[in-house]
Every structure is written in C-alpha cells, then in structure tokens.
Amino acid sequence: MTQTTTPHTQIFTLEDYLTYDSGIDARYELESGELVAMPTESDINGLIIVMLMFALSRFVPPHYFRVKTEIVVSGYRATVRIPDLMVLTQESAAALQGAARSILLPDMPPPALVVEVVSPGLENEQRDYRYKRSEYAARGIREYWIVDPIAQQVVVLTWVTGLYEEAIFKGDECIISTLFPELEITAAEILQTKTDL
C-alpha cells in the first residue's frame, strides 16, 4: 500500500484526530501528529488477511477479529495506527463493546495480535519493520506478525519483557506462535495469492 501525506501541515493532537472529518470518504493514520492518507488495499493483501482469519478461526471467536480497527500507540507525537488485522483479547473486546468508534484508546487493553501486510515501497517497509515494531512493543501487544509478499516471508515478533523476539518463516516452514501453538500453516500457504477457480 502506498501512503501519501495529506496537504495539511497542521500538527494534530489525538483529540484533533478523533474529531477530524475530511469531508470525503477517506481513512487516515496519525503518524507523529501528521495525517497520512491510507489508500485502498491491493487484492493480494486482502486475500492474505482472509487466509489468516480462516486459519485462526479454529482458535479465535469471530467477534475477536478486527479489520481496520484503529489503535493509539506511543510516539514522539500522537500516533494512531490502522493494522490490516487485529485479534482482540477478551478484555480488549469488552472495552470496544458498544463503542461509537472502533479504536483502542491508550487506557484500553491491547489486542493479542496485530498483523501488517507489507506493500511495495521503502517507506512502507520501514514503517512496518521499524516504526510499528517499537510502537506495538511499547503498547504491550503479545505478537506482531509482518507478512511480506515481496520478501516472501512471515516475521513473527513475540513480546518478551517489553521487547520483541523475532522469528522469520519462509516457504514450507510452519509458523510458530506462542498465542496459537496448535496452528498448522506454512509461510507459503499464508503468502499464496493464486486462486484455483
């Protein structure tokens, strides 16, 4: 996904972001106080998310899955991310129940898992591999998966005493997850983008 910064030069607070209305049908992340327009997802990214939801549905109730739910993370300035997929905990699901907006605020429990699918472009790679890694770790998210169709790998980051420990899976290697120890899916199966119709 290619991301472009909006022409606004205003530095937004979290409160500004929560009340912002562009007047058009668009979504924005807030990155260090700046609005970043989020373009539509590619079909490949969408298929990967569907594949993951299907694989994890053996272990996760349907109402714990969230697609495009916002999460406030810590940063130099106010930062709100919109992960490709979130798997909530019982506590974070309860915190969102009945909310007017699907956003996990700083005082709400973190999700168990966040997944980002890397889109082409150096800026996207740095955002997913570097910035979001530290932001999600600081938020205490137990696992952060980076699914990278370009590098043909799945990176599973497991939260251990405030930092992520990294494991990289490629090809026919089975994904190892402390959250889902009985999960049986390979990196190749997650990254499979062809459909047999």
Protein backbone atom coordinates (compact mmCIF):
# COMPACT_ATOMS: atom_id res chain seq x y z
CA MET A 1 0.00 0.00 0.00
CA THR A 2 1.44 3.35 -1.00
CA GLN A 3 0.77 6.03 1.55
CA THR A 4 0.70 9.71 0.83
CA THR A 5 0.70 12.54 3.30
CA THR A 6 -2.24 14.90 3.05
CA PRO A 7 -1.52 18.53 2.17
CA HIS A 8 -2.30 19.58 5.75
CA THR A 9 0.69 20.97 7.61
CA GLN A 10 -1.15 21.14 10.91
CA ILE A 11 0.19 19.02 13.74
CA PHE A 12 -2.73 17.03 15.13
CA THR A 13 -3.28 16.01 18.72
CA LEU A 14 -5.15 12.79 19.46
CA GLU A 15 -8.26 14.88 20.19
CA ASP A 16 -7.90 16.67 16.82
CA TYR A 17 -7.62 13.31 15.05
CA LEU A 18 -10.64 11.83 16.80
CA THR A 19 -12.84 14.74 15.70
CA TYR A 20 -11.33 15.27 12.23
CA ASP A 21 -13.65 14.98 9.22
CA SER A 22 -12.07 15.45 5.80
CA GLY A 23 -15.46 15.69 4.14
CA ILE A 24 -14.55 12.84 1.77
CA ASP A 25 -14.65 9.06 2.09
CA ALA A 26 -11.02 8.57 3.16
CA ARG A 27 -9.11 6.95 6.01
CA TYR A 28 -6.06 8.36 7.73
CA GLU A 29 -3.45 7.14 10.16
CA LEU A 30 -1.94 9.67 12.52
CA GLU A 31 1.85 9.47 12.45
CA SER A 32 3.71 11.72 14.88
CA GLY A 33 0.93 14.27 14.67
CA GLU A 34 0.61 14.25 10.87
CA LEU A 35 -2.29 12.81 8.88
CA VAL A 36 -1.24 10.08 6.44
CA ALA A 37 -3.84 9.08 3.83
CA MET A 38 -4.47 5.33 3.64
CA PRO A 39 -5.20 4.15 0.09
CA THR A 40 -7.32 1.11 -0.66
CA GLU A 41 -5.71 -2.30 -0.19
CA SER A 42 -4.50 -4.45 -3.06
CA ASP A 43 -6.37 -7.67 -3.77
CA ILE A 44 -3.32 -9.70 -2.69
CA ASN A 45 -3.23 -8.02 0.73
CA GLY A 46 -6.95 -8.66 1.16
CA LEU A 47 -6.55 -12.34 0.27
CA ILE A 48 -3.73 -12.73 2.80
CA ILE A 49 -5.91 -11.29 5.58
CA VAL A 50 -8.81 -13.61 4.63
CA MET A 51 -6.41 -16.59 4.66
CA LEU A 52 -5.16 -15.66 8.13
CA MET A 53 -8.64 -15.15 9.54
CA PHE A 54 -9.70 -18.52 8.16
CA ALA A 55 -6.62 -20.25 9.65
CA LEU A 56 -7.05 -18.58 13.06
CA SER A 57 -10.82 -19.12 13.24
CA ARG A 58 -10.20 -22.52 14.90
CA PHE A 59 -8.77 -20.69 17.90
CA VAL A 60 -10.45 -17.27 17.93
CA PRO A 61 -14.16 -16.39 18.27
CA PRO A 62 -15.36 -14.41 15.21
CA HIS A 63 -16.11 -11.28 17.24
CA TYR A 64 -12.44 -11.05 18.32
CA PHE A 65 -11.27 -10.35 14.75
CA ARG A 66 -10.98 -6.72 13.70
CA VAL A 67 -10.06 -5.39 10.27
CA LYS A 68 -9.10 -1.72 10.05
CA THR A 69 -9.71 -1.00 13.73
CA GLU A 70 -7.58 1.88 14.95
CA ILE A 71 -5.13 1.66 17.84
CA VAL A 72 -3.41 4.52 19.66
CA VAL A 73 0.30 3.84 20.14
CA SER A 74 3.02 5.89 21.76
CA GLY A 75 5.28 8.06 19.66
CA TYR A 76 7.11 11.38 19.57
CA ARG A 77 3.70 12.96 18.93
CA ALA A 78 0.22 11.47 18.79
CA THR A 79 0.20 8.31 16.66
CA VAL A 80 -2.74 6.12 15.64
CA ARG A 81 -2.23 3.03 13.50
CA ILE A 82 -4.76 1.04 11.47
CA PRO A 83 -3.42 -2.53 11.28
CA ASP A 84 -4.53 -4.85 8.49
CA LEU A 85 -5.78 -7.35 11.09
CA MET A 86 -6.19 -7.36 14.85
CA VAL A 87 -7.09 -10.24 17.15
CA LEU A 88 -8.54 -8.94 20.38
CA THR A 89 -8.28 -10.37 23.86
CA GLN A 90 -11.39 -10.89 25.95
CA GLU A 91 -10.55 -7.64 27.78
CA SER A 92 -9.99 -5.53 24.65
CA ALA A 93 -13.16 -6.95 23.05
CA ALA A 94 -15.11 -5.95 26.16
CA ALA A 95 -13.57 -2.45 26.08
CA LEU A 96 -14.75 -1.95 22.47
CA GLN A 97 -18.23 -3.34 23.05
CA GLY A 98 -20.79 -0.67 22.27
CA ALA A 99 -18.13 1.93 21.35
CA ALA A 100 -19.19 4.58 18.85
CA ARG A 101 -15.81 4.28 17.09
CA SER A 102 -13.68 1.17 16.58
CA ILE A 103 -10.49 2.46 18.23
CA LEU A 104 -8.38 1.10 21.08
CA LEU A 105 -7.50 4.15 23.17
CA PRO A 106 -4.44 4.30 25.46
CA ASP A 107 -6.44 3.33 28.56
CA MET A 108 -7.87 0.20 26.88
CA PRO A 109 -6.21 -3.24 26.97
CA PRO A 110 -4.08 -4.06 23.90
CA PRO A 111 -5.06 -6.72 21.38
CA ALA A 112 -3.33 -10.11 21.49
CA LEU A 113 -2.13 -9.98 17.88
CA VAL A 114 -1.60 -7.34 15.20
CA VAL A 115 -0.84 -8.23 11.57
CA GLU A 116 0.56 -5.90 8.94
CA VAL A 117 0.90 -6.90 5.28
CA VAL A 118 3.85 -5.09 3.68
CA SER A 119 3.13 -3.20 0.47
CA PRO A 120 5.78 -2.25 -2.10
CA GLY A 121 7.92 0.78 -1.29
CA LEU A 122 10.82 1.53 1.05
CA GLU A 123 8.65 3.86 3.14
CA ASN A 124 6.13 1.06 3.80
CA GLU A 125 8.87 -1.42 4.69
CA GLN A 126 10.45 0.98 7.19
CA ARG A 127 7.05 1.75 8.69
CA ASP A 128 6.12 -1.92 9.16
CA TYR A 129 9.53 -3.34 10.12
CA ARG A 130 10.90 -0.47 12.18
CA TYR A 131 8.42 2.09 13.48
CA LYS A 132 5.42 -0.13 14.11
CA ARG A 133 7.65 -2.74 15.72
CA SER A 134 8.66 -0.37 18.51
CA GLU A 135 5.18 1.18 18.77
CA TYR A 136 3.42 -2.17 19.12
CA ALA A 137 6.03 -3.43 21.59
CA ALA A 138 5.53 -0.32 23.74
CA ARG A 139 1.78 -0.98 23.64
CA GLY A 140 2.38 -4.50 25.03
CA ILE A 141 0.90 -6.41 22.09
CA ARG A 142 1.89 -10.04 22.61
CA GLU A 143 2.52 -10.87 18.95
CA TYR A 144 3.08 -8.73 15.87
CA TRP A 145 3.20 -10.50 12.51
CA ILE A 146 4.69 -8.88 9.43
CA VAL A 147 3.52 -10.68 6.31
CA ASP A 148 5.82 -9.68 3.47
CA PRO A 149 4.75 -10.80 -0.03
CA ILE A 150 7.76 -9.02 -1.54
CA ALA A 151 10.37 -10.85 0.57
CA GLN A 152 8.14 -13.96 0.63
CA GLN A 153 8.37 -14.29 4.40
CA VAL A 154 6.33 -14.05 7.57
CA VAL A 155 8.03 -12.42 10.55
CA VAL A 156 6.57 -13.34 13.94
CA LEU A 157 7.55 -10.96 16.72
CA THR A 158 6.82 -12.23 20.23
CA TRP A 159 6.68 -9.77 23.13
CA VAL A 160 9.12 -10.74 25.90
CA THR A 161 9.66 -8.33 28.82
CA GLY A 162 8.99 -5.21 26.79
CA LEU A 163 10.78 -6.12 23.55
CA TYR A 164 10.03 -8.32 20.56
CA GLU A 165 11.94 -11.51 19.82
CA GLU A 166 11.94 -12.21 16.09
CA ALA A 167 11.44 -15.42 14.11
CA ILE A 168 11.35 -15.48 10.30
CA PHE A 169 9.44 -18.14 8.36
CA LYS A 170 9.72 -18.87 4.63
CA GLY A 171 8.44 -21.45 2.18
CA ASP A 172 7.23 -24.66 3.77
CA GLU A 173 8.27 -23.68 7.31
CA CYS A 174 5.35 -23.87 9.73
CA ILE A 175 4.56 -20.67 11.59
CA ILE A 176 5.37 -20.95 15.30
CA SER A 177 3.20 -18.80 17.53
CA THR A 178 3.06 -18.75 21.33
CA LEU A 179 -0.52 -17.44 21.07
CA PHE A 180 -1.62 -20.28 18.78
CA PRO A 181 0.66 -23.26 19.49
CA GLU A 182 -1.63 -25.66 17.59
CA LEU A 183 -1.68 -23.52 14.44
CA GLU A 184 -0.65 -25.54 11.40
CA ILE A 185 0.03 -23.20 8.48
CA THR A 186 3.19 -22.52 6.50
CA ALA A 187 4.55 -19.22 5.30
CA ALA A 188 3.87 -20.33 1.70
CA GLU A 189 0.22 -21.03 2.50
CA ILE A 190 -0.22 -17.56 4.00
CA LEU A 191 1.52 -15.92 1.07
CA GLN A 192 -0.37 -17.95 -1.56
CA THR A 193 -2.08 -15.39 -3.76
CA LYS A 194 -3.33 -17.52 -6.66
CA THR A 195 -6.84 -18.86 -6.64
CA ASP A 196 -7.93 -22.14 -8.22
CA LEU A 197 -11.29 -21.34 -9.77
